[in-house]
PDB file of N, CA and C in Angstrom:
ATOM      1  N   MET A   1     198.869  74.738  13.195  1.00  0.00           N
ATOM      2  CA  MET A   1     199.587  74.657  14.439  1.00  0.00           C
ATOM      3  C   MET A   1     198.657  74.124  15.521  1.00  0.00           C
ATOM      4  N   ASN A   2     199.045  73.046  16.110  1.00  0.00           N
ATOM      5  CA  ASN A   2     198.247  72.381  17.126  1.00  0.00           C
ATOM      6  C   ASN A   2     198.701  72.863  18.513  1.00  0.00           C
ATOM      7  N   THR A   3     197.771  73.457  19.237  1.00  0.00           N
ATOM      8  CA  THR A   3     198.124  73.956  20.573  1.00  0.00           C
ATOM      9  C   THR A   3     197.802  72.942  21.649  1.00  0.00           C
ATOM     10  N   GLY A   4     197.142  71.877  21.275  1.00  0.00           N
ATOM     11  CA  GLY A   4     196.883  70.802  22.227  1.00  0.00           C
ATOM     12  C   GLY A   4     195.899  71.186  23.321  1.00  0.00           C
ATOM     13  N   GLY A   5     194.944  72.030  23.024  1.00  0.00           N
ATOM     14  CA  GLY A   5     193.934  72.403  24.021  1.00  0.00           C
ATOM     15  C   GLY A   5     194.382  73.492  24.976  1.00  0.00           C
ATOM     16  N   LEU A   6     195.497  74.131  24.670  1.00  0.00           N
ATOM     17  CA  LEU A   6     195.988  75.192  25.552  1.00  0.00           C
ATOM     18  C   LEU A   6     195.074  76.417  25.528  1.00  0.00           C
ATOM     19  N   ASP A   7     194.409  76.652  24.399  1.00  0.00           N
ATOM     20  CA  ASP A   7     193.507  77.801  24.321  1.00  0.00           C
ATOM     21  C   ASP A   7     192.344  77.650  25.303  1.00  0.00           C
ATOM     22  N   LYS A   8     191.791  76.446  25.354  1.00  0.00           N
ATOM     23  CA  LYS A   8     190.682  76.199  26.271  1.00  0.00           C
ATOM     24  C   LYS A   8     191.147  76.333  27.718  1.00  0.00           C
ATOM     25  N   LEU A   9     192.319  75.813  28.012  1.00  0.00           N
ATOM     26  CA  LEU A   9     192.881  75.914  29.357  1.00  0.00           C
ATOM     27  C   LEU A   9     193.142  77.377  29.718  1.00  0.00           C
ATOM     28  N   LYS A  10     193.655  78.121  28.740  1.00  0.00           N
ATOM     29  CA  LYS A  10     193.934  79.542  28.965  1.00  0.00           C
ATOM     30  C   LYS A  10     192.637  80.295  29.268  1.00  0.00           C
ATOM     31  N   GLU A  11     191.572  80.006  28.539  1.00  0.00           N
ATOM     32  CA  GLU A  11     190.284  80.648  28.783  1.00  0.00           C
ATOM     33  C   GLU A  11     189.748  80.303  30.165  1.00  0.00           C
ATOM     34  N   MET A  12     189.903  79.048  30.578  1.00  0.00           N
ATOM     35  CA  MET A  12     189.429  78.632  31.903  1.00  0.00           C
ATOM     36  C   MET A  12     190.196  79.355  33.007  1.00  0.00           C
ATOM     37  N   VAL A  13     191.509  79.460  32.838  1.00  0.00           N
ATOM     38  CA  VAL A  13     192.335  80.136  33.844  1.00  0.00           C
ATOM     39  C   VAL A  13     191.975  81.618  33.916  1.00  0.00           C
ATOM     40  N   GLU A  14     191.782  82.239  32.755  1.00  0.00           N
ATOM     41  CA  GLU A  14     191.414  83.652  32.741  1.00  0.00           C
ATOM     42  C   GLU A  14     190.052  83.875  33.380  1.00  0.00           C
ATOM     43  N   ALA A  15     189.101  82.990  33.105  1.00  0.00           N
ATOM     44  CA  ALA A  15     187.768  83.114  33.697  1.00  0.00           C
ATOM     45  C   ALA A  15     187.842  82.975  35.216  1.00  0.00           C
ATOM     46  N   GLU A  16     188.630  82.017  35.696  1.00  0.00           N
ATOM     47  CA  GLU A  16     188.778  81.831  37.142  1.00  0.00           C
ATOM     48  C   GLU A  16     189.478  83.036  37.774  1.00  0.00           C
ATOM     49  N   PHE A  17     190.486  83.563  37.082  1.00  0.00           N
ATOM     50  CA  PHE A  17     191.196  84.739  37.583  1.00  0.00           C
ATOM     51  C   PHE A  17     190.249  85.932  37.688  1.00  0.00           C
ATOM     52  N   GLN A  18     189.417  86.130  36.666  1.00  0.00           N
ATOM     53  CA  GLN A  18     188.462  87.240  36.694  1.00  0.00           C
ATOM     54  C   GLN A  18     187.435  87.062  37.807  1.00  0.00           C
ATOM     55  N   ALA A  19     186.980  85.829  38.014  1.00  0.00           N
ATOM     56  CA  ALA A  19     186.011  85.573  39.081  1.00  0.00           C
ATOM     57  C   ALA A  19     186.630  85.878  40.445  1.00  0.00           C
ATOM     58  N   ASN A  20     187.876  85.450  40.655  1.00  0.00           N
ATOM     59  CA  ASN A  20     188.551  85.736  41.924  1.00  0.00           C
ATOM     60  C   ASN A  20     188.762  87.239  42.100  1.00  0.00           C
ATOM     61  N   PHE A  21     189.140  87.903  41.023  1.00  0.00           N
ATOM     62  CA  PHE A  21     189.371  89.342  41.074  1.00  0.00           C
ATOM     63  C   PHE A  21     188.086  90.077  41.446  1.00  0.00           C
ATOM     64  N   GLN A  22     186.970  89.692  40.817  1.00  0.00           N
ATOM     65  CA  GLN A  22     185.682  90.320  41.125  1.00  0.00           C
ATOM     66  C   GLN A  22     185.276  90.061  42.574  1.00  0.00           C
ATOM     67  N   ALA A  23     185.509  88.842  43.055  1.00  0.00           N
ATOM     68  CA  ALA A  23     185.163  88.517  44.439  1.00  0.00           C
ATOM     69  C   ALA A  23     185.989  89.351  45.415  1.00  0.00           C
ATOM     70  N   GLN A  24     187.268  89.514  45.123  1.00  0.00           N
ATOM     71  CA  GLN A  24     188.116  90.330  45.991  1.00  0.00           C
ATOM     72  C   GLN A  24     187.657  91.786  45.987  1.00  0.00           C
ATOM     73  N   ARG A  25     187.300  92.289  44.820  1.00  0.00           N
ATOM     74  CA  ARG A  25     186.834  93.679  44.733  1.00  0.00           C
ATOM     75  C   ARG A  25     185.539  93.871  45.513  1.00  0.00           C
ATOM     76  N   GLU A  26     184.628  92.921  45.415  1.00  0.00           N
ATOM     77  CA  GLU A  26     183.372  93.012  46.163  1.00  0.00           C
ATOM     78  C   GLU A  26     183.640  92.980  47.668  1.00  0.00           C
ATOM     79  N   GLU A  27     184.561  92.128  48.077  1.00  0.00           N
ATOM     80  CA  GLU A  27     184.919  92.046  49.500  1.00  0.00           C
ATOM     81  C   GLU A  27     185.533  93.361  49.978  1.00  0.00           C
ATOM     82  N   LEU A  28     186.408  93.957  49.166  1.00  0.00           N
ATOM     83  CA  LEU A  28     187.004  95.244  49.530  1.00  0.00           C
ATOM     84  C   LEU A  28     185.946  96.345  49.599  1.00  0.00           C
ATOM     85  N   ARG A  29     185.013  96.341  48.670  1.00  0.00           N
ATOM     86  CA  ARG A  29     183.936  97.333  48.698  1.00  0.00           C
ATOM     87  C   ARG A  29     183.091  97.189  49.958  1.00  0.00           C
ATOM     88  N   LYS A  30     182.774  95.944  50.298  1.00  0.00           N
ATOM     89  CA  LYS A  30     181.971  95.691  51.488  1.00  0.00           C
ATOM     90  C   LYS A  30     182.707  96.166  52.740  1.00  0.00           C
ATOM     91  N   HIS A  31     183.999  95.879  52.803  1.00  0.00           N
ATOM     92  CA  HIS A  31     184.805  96.295  53.954  1.00  0.00           C
ATOM     93  C   HIS A  31     184.886  97.825  54.032  1.00  0.00           C
ATOM     94  N   ALA A  32     185.075  98.486  52.898  1.00  0.00           N
ATOM     95  CA  ALA A  32     185.153  99.950  52.879  1.00  0.00           C
ATOM     96  C   ALA A  32     183.821 100.565  53.312  1.00  0.00           C
ATOM     97  N   LYS A  33     182.722  99.973  52.887  1.00  0.00           N
ATOM     98  CA  LYS A  33     181.408 100.471  53.272  1.00  0.00           C
ATOM     99  C   LYS A  33     181.198 100.339  54.775  1.00  0.00           C
ATOM    100  N   GLN A  34     181.613  99.210  55.343  1.00  0.00           N
ATOM    101  CA  GLN A  34     181.507  99.017  56.791  1.00  0.00           C
ATOM    102  C   GLN A  34     182.359 100.039  57.537  1.00  0.00           C
ATOM    103  N   GLN A  35     183.556 100.298  57.038  1.00  0.00           N
ATOM    104  CA  GLN A  35     184.432 101.280  57.681  1.00  0.00           C
ATOM    105  C   GLN A  35     183.809 102.676  57.612  1.00  0.00           C
ATOM    106  N   ASN A  36     183.210 103.015  56.474  1.00  0.00           N
ATOM    107  CA  ASN A  36     182.545 104.317  56.355  1.00  0.00           C
ATOM    108  C   ASN A  36     181.412 104.447  57.362  1.00  0.00           C
ATOM    109  N   PHE A  37     180.611 103.397  57.528  1.00  0.00           N
ATOM    110  CA  PHE A  37     179.523 103.439  58.494  1.00  0.00           C
ATOM    111  C   PHE A  37     180.056 103.594  59.913  1.00  0.00           C
ATOM    112  N   LYS A  38     181.154 102.893  60.229  1.00  0.00           N
ATOM    113  CA  LYS A  38     181.729 103.002  61.570  1.00  0.00           C
ATOM    114  C   LYS A  38     182.232 104.414  61.836  1.00  0.00           C
ATOM    115  N   ILE A  39     182.901 105.007  60.863  1.00  0.00           N
ATOM    116  CA  ILE A  39     183.431 106.359  61.032  1.00  0.00           C
ATOM    117  C   ILE A  39     182.286 107.364  61.139  1.00  0.00           C
ATOM    118  N   GLN A  40     181.247 107.201  60.324  1.00  0.00           N
ATOM    119  CA  GLN A  40     180.106 108.108  60.393  1.00  0.00           C
ATOM    120  C   GLN A  40     179.419 108.021  61.752  1.00  0.00           C
ATOM    121  N   GLU A  41     179.278 106.817  62.274  1.00  0.00           N
ATOM    122  CA  GLU A  41     178.648 106.644  63.585  1.00  0.00           C
ATOM    123  C   GLU A  41     179.498 107.286  64.676  1.00  0.00           C
ATOM    124  N   LYS A  42     180.804 107.117  64.593  1.00  0.00           N
ATOM    125  CA  LYS A  42     181.704 107.734  65.575  1.00  0.00           C
ATOM    126  C   LYS A  42     181.609 109.254  65.498  1.00  0.00           C
ATOM    127  N   ASN A  43     181.621 109.809  64.282  1.00  0.00           N
ATOM    128  CA  ASN A  43     181.492 111.258  64.115  1.00  0.00           C
ATOM    129  C   ASN A  43     180.151 111.761  64.637  1.00  0.00           C
ATOM    130  N   ARG A  44     179.093 110.999  64.400  1.00  0.00           N
ATOM    131  CA  ARG A  44     177.768 111.381  64.876  1.00  0.00           C
ATOM    132  C   ARG A  44     177.741 111.423  66.401  1.00  0.00           C
ATOM    133  N   LYS A  45     178.347 110.428  67.039  1.00  0.00           N
ATOM    134  CA  LYS A  45     178.367 110.386  68.503  1.00  0.00           C
ATOM    135  C   LYS A  45     179.156 111.546  69.083  1.00  0.00           C
ATOM    136  N   THR A  46     180.332 111.839  68.519  1.00  0.00           N
ATOM    137  CA  THR A  46     181.139 112.928  69.063  1.00  0.00           C
ATOM    138  C   THR A  46     180.465 114.278  68.821  1.00  0.00           C
ATOM    139  N   TYR A  47     179.803 114.452  67.691  1.00  0.00           N
ATOM    140  CA  TYR A  47     179.108 115.709  67.423  1.00  0.00           C
ATOM    141  C   TYR A  47     177.944 115.879  68.390  1.00  0.00           C
ATOM    142  N   ASN A  48     177.149 114.843  68.575  1.00  0.00           N
ATOM    143  CA  ASN A  48     175.984 114.940  69.448  1.00  0.00           C
ATOM    144  C   ASN A  48     176.373 115.039  70.918  1.00  0.00           C
ATOM    145  N   PHE A  49     177.552 114.561  71.268  1.00  0.00           N
ATOM    146  CA  PHE A  49     177.993 114.623  72.657  1.00  0.00           C
ATOM    147  C   PHE A  49     178.194 116.070  73.088  1.00  0.00           C
ATOM    148  N   ARG A  50     178.711 116.899  72.204  1.00  0.00           N
ATOM    149  CA  ARG A  50     178.996 118.292  72.543  1.00  0.00           C
ATOM    150  C   ARG A  50     177.798 119.224  72.302  1.00  0.00           C
ATOM    151  N   ARG A  51     176.783 118.722  71.682  1.00  0.00           N
ATOM    152  CA  ARG A  51     175.632 119.555  71.346  1.00  0.00           C
ATOM    153  C   ARG A  51     174.745 119.731  72.569  1.00  0.00           C
ATOM    154  N   ARG A  52     174.286 120.963  72.774  1.00  0.00           N
ATOM    155  CA  ARG A  52     173.384 121.240  73.885  1.00  0.00           C
ATOM    156  C   ARG A  52     171.944 121.132  73.411  1.00  0.00           C
ATOM    157  N   GLU A  53     171.087 120.785  74.337  1.00  0.00           N
ATOM    158  CA  GLU A  53     169.662 120.760  74.030  1.00  0.00           C
ATOM    159  C   GLU A  53     169.160 122.198  73.951  1.00  0.00           C
ATOM    160  N   PRO A  54     168.250 122.501  73.042  1.00  0.00           N
ATOM    161  CA  PRO A  54     167.739 123.870  72.946  1.00  0.00           C
ATOM    162  C   PRO A  54     166.914 124.229  74.180  1.00  0.00           C
ATOM    163  N   LYS A  55     167.010 125.494  74.567  1.00  0.00           N
ATOM    164  CA  LYS A  55     166.287 125.953  75.740  1.00  0.00           C
ATOM    165  C   LYS A  55     164.811 126.088  75.385  1.00  0.00           C
ATOM    166  N   PRO A  56     163.933 125.496  76.180  1.00  0.00           N
ATOM    167  CA  PRO A  56     162.499 125.636  75.880  1.00  0.00           C
ATOM    168  C   PRO A  56     162.005 127.016  76.322  1.00  0.00           C
ATOM    169  N   TYR A  57     161.429 127.750  75.404  1.00  0.00           N
ATOM    170  CA  TYR A  57     160.885 129.071  75.704  1.00  0.00           C
ATOM    171  C   TYR A  57     159.377 128.965  75.827  1.00  0.00           C
ATOM    172  N   THR A  58     158.813 129.770  76.714  1.00  0.00           N
ATOM    173  CA  THR A  58     157.365 129.832  76.863  1.00  0.00           C
ATOM    174  C   THR A  58     156.910 131.252  76.558  1.00  0.00           C
ATOM    175  N   VAL A  59     155.632 131.398  76.306  1.00  0.00           N
ATOM    176  CA  VAL A  59     155.078 132.714  75.987  1.00  0.00           C
ATOM    177  C   VAL A  59     155.254 133.618  77.203  1.00  0.00           C
ATOM    178  N   GLY A  60     155.771 134.810  76.960  1.00  0.00           N
ATOM    179  CA  GLY A  60     155.977 135.780  78.033  1.00  0.00           C
ATOM    180  C   GLY A  60     157.413 135.856  78.511  1.00  0.00           C
ATOM    181  N   ASP A  61     158.259 134.923  78.109  1.00  0.00           N
ATOM    182  CA  ASP A  61     159.676 134.982  78.485  1.00  0.00           C
ATOM    183  C   ASP A  61     160.345 136.149  77.771  1.00  0.00           C
ATOM    184  N   PHE A  62     161.392 136.669  78.392  1.00  0.00           N
ATOM    185  CA  PHE A  62     162.185 137.723  77.773  1.00  0.00           C
ATOM    186  C   PHE A  62     163.495 137.137  77.281  1.00  0.00           C
ATOM    187  N   VAL A  63     163.889 137.528  76.076  1.00  0.00           N
ATOM    188  CA  VAL A  63     165.132 137.033  75.487  1.00  0.00           C
ATOM    189  C   VAL A  63     165.923 138.203  74.936  1.00  0.00           C
ATOM    190  N   ALA A  64     167.232 138.000  74.806  1.00  0.00           N
ATOM    191  CA  ALA A  64     168.116 138.972  74.169  1.00  0.00           C
ATOM    192  C   ALA A  64     168.804 138.265  73.011  1.00  0.00           C
ATOM    193  N   ILE A  65     168.954 138.955  71.898  1.00  0.00           N
ATOM    194  CA  ILE A  65     169.571 138.378  70.704  1.00  0.00           C
ATOM    195  C   ILE A  65     170.961 138.957  70.562  1.00  0.00           C
ATOM    196  N   LYS A  66     171.941 138.085  70.436  1.00  0.00           N
ATOM    197  CA  LYS A  66     173.325 138.524  70.325  1.00  0.00           C
ATOM    198  C   LYS A  66     173.564 139.176  68.965  1.00  0.00           C
ATOM    199  N   ARG A  67     174.312 140.269  68.977  1.00  0.00           N
ATOM    200  CA  ARG A  67     174.643 140.992  67.746  1.00  0.00           C
ATOM    201  C   ARG A  67     175.582 140.122  66.910  1.00  0.00           C
ATOM    202  N   THR A  68     175.250 139.939  65.639  1.00  0.00           N
ATOM    203  CA  THR A  68     176.071 139.086  64.776  1.00  0.00           C
ATOM    204  C   THR A  68     176.931 139.879  63.820  1.00  0.00           C
ATOM    205  N   GLN A  69     176.609 141.129  63.592  1.00  0.00           N
ATOM    206  CA  GLN A  69     177.402 141.941  62.677  1.00  0.00           C
ATOM    207  C   GLN A  69     178.252 142.911  63.484  1.00  0.00           C
ATOM    208  N   PHE A  70     179.548 142.747  63.363  1.00  0.00           N
ATOM    209  CA  PHE A  70     180.479 143.626  64.043  1.00  0.00           C
ATOM    210  C   PHE A  70     181.184 144.476  63.001  1.00  0.00           C
ATOM    211  N   GLY A  71     181.696 145.580  63.424  1.00  0.00           N
ATOM    212  CA  GLY A  71     182.401 146.443  62.502  1.00  0.00           C
ATOM    213  C   GLY A  71     182.873 147.689  63.216  1.00  0.00           C
ATOM    214  N   PRO A  72     183.292 148.672  62.474  1.00  0.00           N
ATOM    215  CA  PRO A  72     183.749 149.910  63.099  1.00  0.00           C
ATOM    216  C   PRO A  72     182.577 150.639  63.758  1.00  0.00           C
ATOM    217  N   ASN A  73     182.885 151.422  64.761  1.00  0.00           N
ATOM    218  CA  ASN A  73     181.917 152.236  65.498  1.00  0.00           C
ATOM    219  C   ASN A  73     180.906 151.404  66.278  1.00  0.00           C
ATOM    220  N   LEU A  74     181.152 150.134  66.469  1.00  0.00           N
ATOM    221  CA  LEU A  74     180.258 149.305  67.277  1.00  0.00           C
ATOM    222  C   LEU A  74     180.886 148.985  68.628  1.00  0.00           C
ATOM    223  N   LYS A  75     182.020 149.548  68.889  1.00  0.00           N
ATOM    224  CA  LYS A  75     182.770 149.223  70.091  1.00  0.00           C
ATOM    225  C   LYS A  75     181.982 149.573  71.356  1.00  0.00           C
ATOM    226  N   LEU A  76     181.281 150.671  71.322  1.00  0.00           N
ATOM    227  CA  LEU A  76     180.568 151.122  72.509  1.00  0.00           C
ATOM    228  C   LEU A  76     179.093 150.739  72.498  1.00  0.00           C
ATOM    229  N   LYS A  77     178.631 150.118  71.435  1.00  0.00           N
ATOM    230  CA  LYS A  77     177.231 149.708  71.359  1.00  0.00           C
ATOM    231  C   LYS A  77     177.038 148.407  72.132  1.00  0.00           C
ATOM    232  N   PRO A  78     175.828 148.142  72.572  1.00  0.00           N
ATOM    233  CA  PRO A  78     175.593 146.902  73.330  1.00  0.00           C
ATOM    234  C   PRO A  78     175.808 145.662  72.461  1.00  0.00           C
ATOM    235  N   LYS A  79     176.180 144.562  73.117  1.00  0.00           N
ATOM    236  CA  LYS A  79     176.446 143.315  72.397  1.00  0.00           C
ATOM    237  C   LYS A  79     175.161 142.554  72.073  1.00  0.00           C
ATOM    238  N   TYR A  80     174.058 142.914  72.737  1.00  0.00           N
ATOM    239  CA  TYR A  80     172.803 142.202  72.555  1.00  0.00           C
ATOM    240  C   TYR A  80     171.699 143.173  72.154  1.00  0.00           C
ATOM    241  N   PHE A  81     170.739 142.684  71.359  1.00  0.00           N
ATOM    242  CA  PHE A  81     169.523 143.411  71.049  1.00  0.00           C
ATOM    243  C   PHE A  81     168.451 142.919  72.006  1.00  0.00           C
ATOM    244  N   GLY A  82     167.581 143.775  72.423  1.00  0.00           N
ATOM    245  CA  GLY A  82     166.483 143.305  73.254  1.00  0.00           C
ATOM    246  C   GLY A  82     166.441 144.046  74.566  1.00  0.00           C
ATOM    247  N   PRO A  83     165.704 143.618  75.507  1.00  0.00           N
ATOM    248  CA  PRO A  83     165.015 142.334  75.601  1.00  0.00           C
ATOM    249  C   PRO A  83     163.719 142.313  74.783  1.00  0.00           C
ATOM    250  N   TYR A  84     163.445 141.162  74.225  1.00  0.00           N
ATOM    251  CA  TYR A  84     162.219 140.943  73.477  1.00  0.00           C
ATOM    252  C   TYR A  84     161.359 139.951  74.241  1.00  0.00           C
ATOM    253  N   SER A  85     160.057 140.114  74.124  1.00  0.00           N
ATOM    254  CA  SER A  85     159.124 139.210  74.777  1.00  0.00           C
ATOM    255  C   SER A  85     158.681 138.148  73.772  1.00  0.00           C
ATOM    256  N   ILE A  86     158.594 136.907  74.212  1.00  0.00           N
ATOM    257  CA  ILE A  86     158.137 135.797  73.366  1.00  0.00           C
ATOM    258  C   ILE A  86     156.618 135.897  73.246  1.00  0.00           C
ATOM    259  N   THR A  87     156.114 135.963  72.016  1.00  0.00           N
ATOM    260  CA  THR A  87     154.668 136.062  71.810  1.00  0.00           C
ATOM    261  C   THR A  87     154.047 134.727  71.421  1.00  0.00           C
ATOM    262  N   ARG A  88     154.825 133.868  70.780  1.00  0.00           N
ATOM    263  CA  ARG A  88     154.320 132.518  70.485  1.00  0.00           C
ATOM    264  C   ARG A  88     155.502 131.561  70.475  1.00  0.00           C
ATOM    265  N   ALA A  89     155.228 130.347  70.896  1.00  0.00           N
ATOM    266  CA  ALA A  89     156.303 129.356  70.986  1.00  0.00           C
ATOM    267  C   ALA A  89     155.865 128.046  70.374  1.00  0.00           C
TER     268      ALA A  89
END
C-alpha cells in the first residue's frame, strides 16, 4: 500500500504540533511564575505595612510581660507579670 509520503508529512505535522505545544506550556509557566512573584510581593508589602518596629530596650528599663495562659480562677489575677528589669540587651 503506497501512502505517497503521507507518513513523513504526518510526522512533520506531529513534530511541529508538539513544538508549539511545548512553547505554549513554557509561556504559561513563565506567566504563572510572574503572577506568583507579583502576588508574593503584594502580600509582603501588605504584611510589612501593618507590622510595627520592635521597641528598643536598654539596660535598666522596666518591662511587664503579658499573661498568655488564661483559665479558671485567673479572673482576679493581674494580666501582666512583672515589672522586670532589663539586665542585658
